[in-house]
């Protein structure tokens, strides 16, 4: 039985760090594990240009733990008013590693997002020309579409038309939650890739309602069926380079989760690599873990793997861990599903 594994230090290709006290509180959990992360731009106000991205990057660097070499990789929040000139100017100074499409109203801090994909076609053309990837939150915002079908409908209404109209555009289909989405990516070429989160490897929609409504299992896109979870697990452990780790760790104060209209998002950074390793172990795919967590994403973004390693150990008894962290006057609950955690990072 494998009780320890050493891999190239992983990267997180989809991360929310927020700002201010929250940023300072949550960053150590990520920087302890990951060498780099793609930082989501949905602040208030959103990061929409190179100057804002550089200012945000500096704020992240300033609160890194002492001795940390964690590298934030910045992104641009796409809006209806983003112009091709904005993209070319940012590209000239290497400000962005990706541009993020949030359909307006789809998730946390997405009110400034794109209202109609056709509005940003000139921007997508510029991105295709220079090779800048498009990162997408893959859900439609339509009250007539069932919340569990929003990802599938997004493929039909938005993603497939964009892929057809811009075949050389690099696209990251973020945080897949459905078999339909997994099958779609498997059917595409190397310009279409996808990130998979720890929580979607573990949860189904049952977890959201187990013992009553559980806001700490609520994220967008929502977890779906057992069939969907199995498809996500198979994709993650397949060794296919188009699937790699993006935690979508998204901290919210408990007061924003434990209320009517609870905020969507799961803060999984502290337990993320442990749970991912555990799933790979259960599926007898530990030999595929390093590719998924440490190599494929870097290769897609044109980067070399990290030059250091991490070691994870499997314990005989469930790992004891803190249930929350303190951020200023708030607390943030750490992702802790019913599944006991046996794998942990070795200091």
Foldseek 3Di string as FASTA:
>chain_A
DDFKDKFFQFEAAAEEQAADLSNLFQVALQLVGHQEYEYAQLYVVGAAALVSLVVRQVRNVVSHPPPGNRHYAYEHEDALPDALVRVVVNVVVNRHLAYEADAQPQAPSRVRGYPAVVSCVNNQVSCLVVVRAYEYQQFDDDPVDDLLCRNVVSCVRPVVVSCVVRVSHQYEHEADAFLSVLVVQVPHDPSYAYEHALLSLPDAVCQCQVVHGDLQQFAPSHHHDPNGNVSSLCSLLVLPLRYAHHHQQDWDFPVQRPDVVRHHHHHASNCGVQSVCVSCVVVVRNVSNNSRGFNSVCVSSVHHTDPHMWMKGFAPDFDDDDQWIDRPPTITGHDDTPDGGGIHTDD
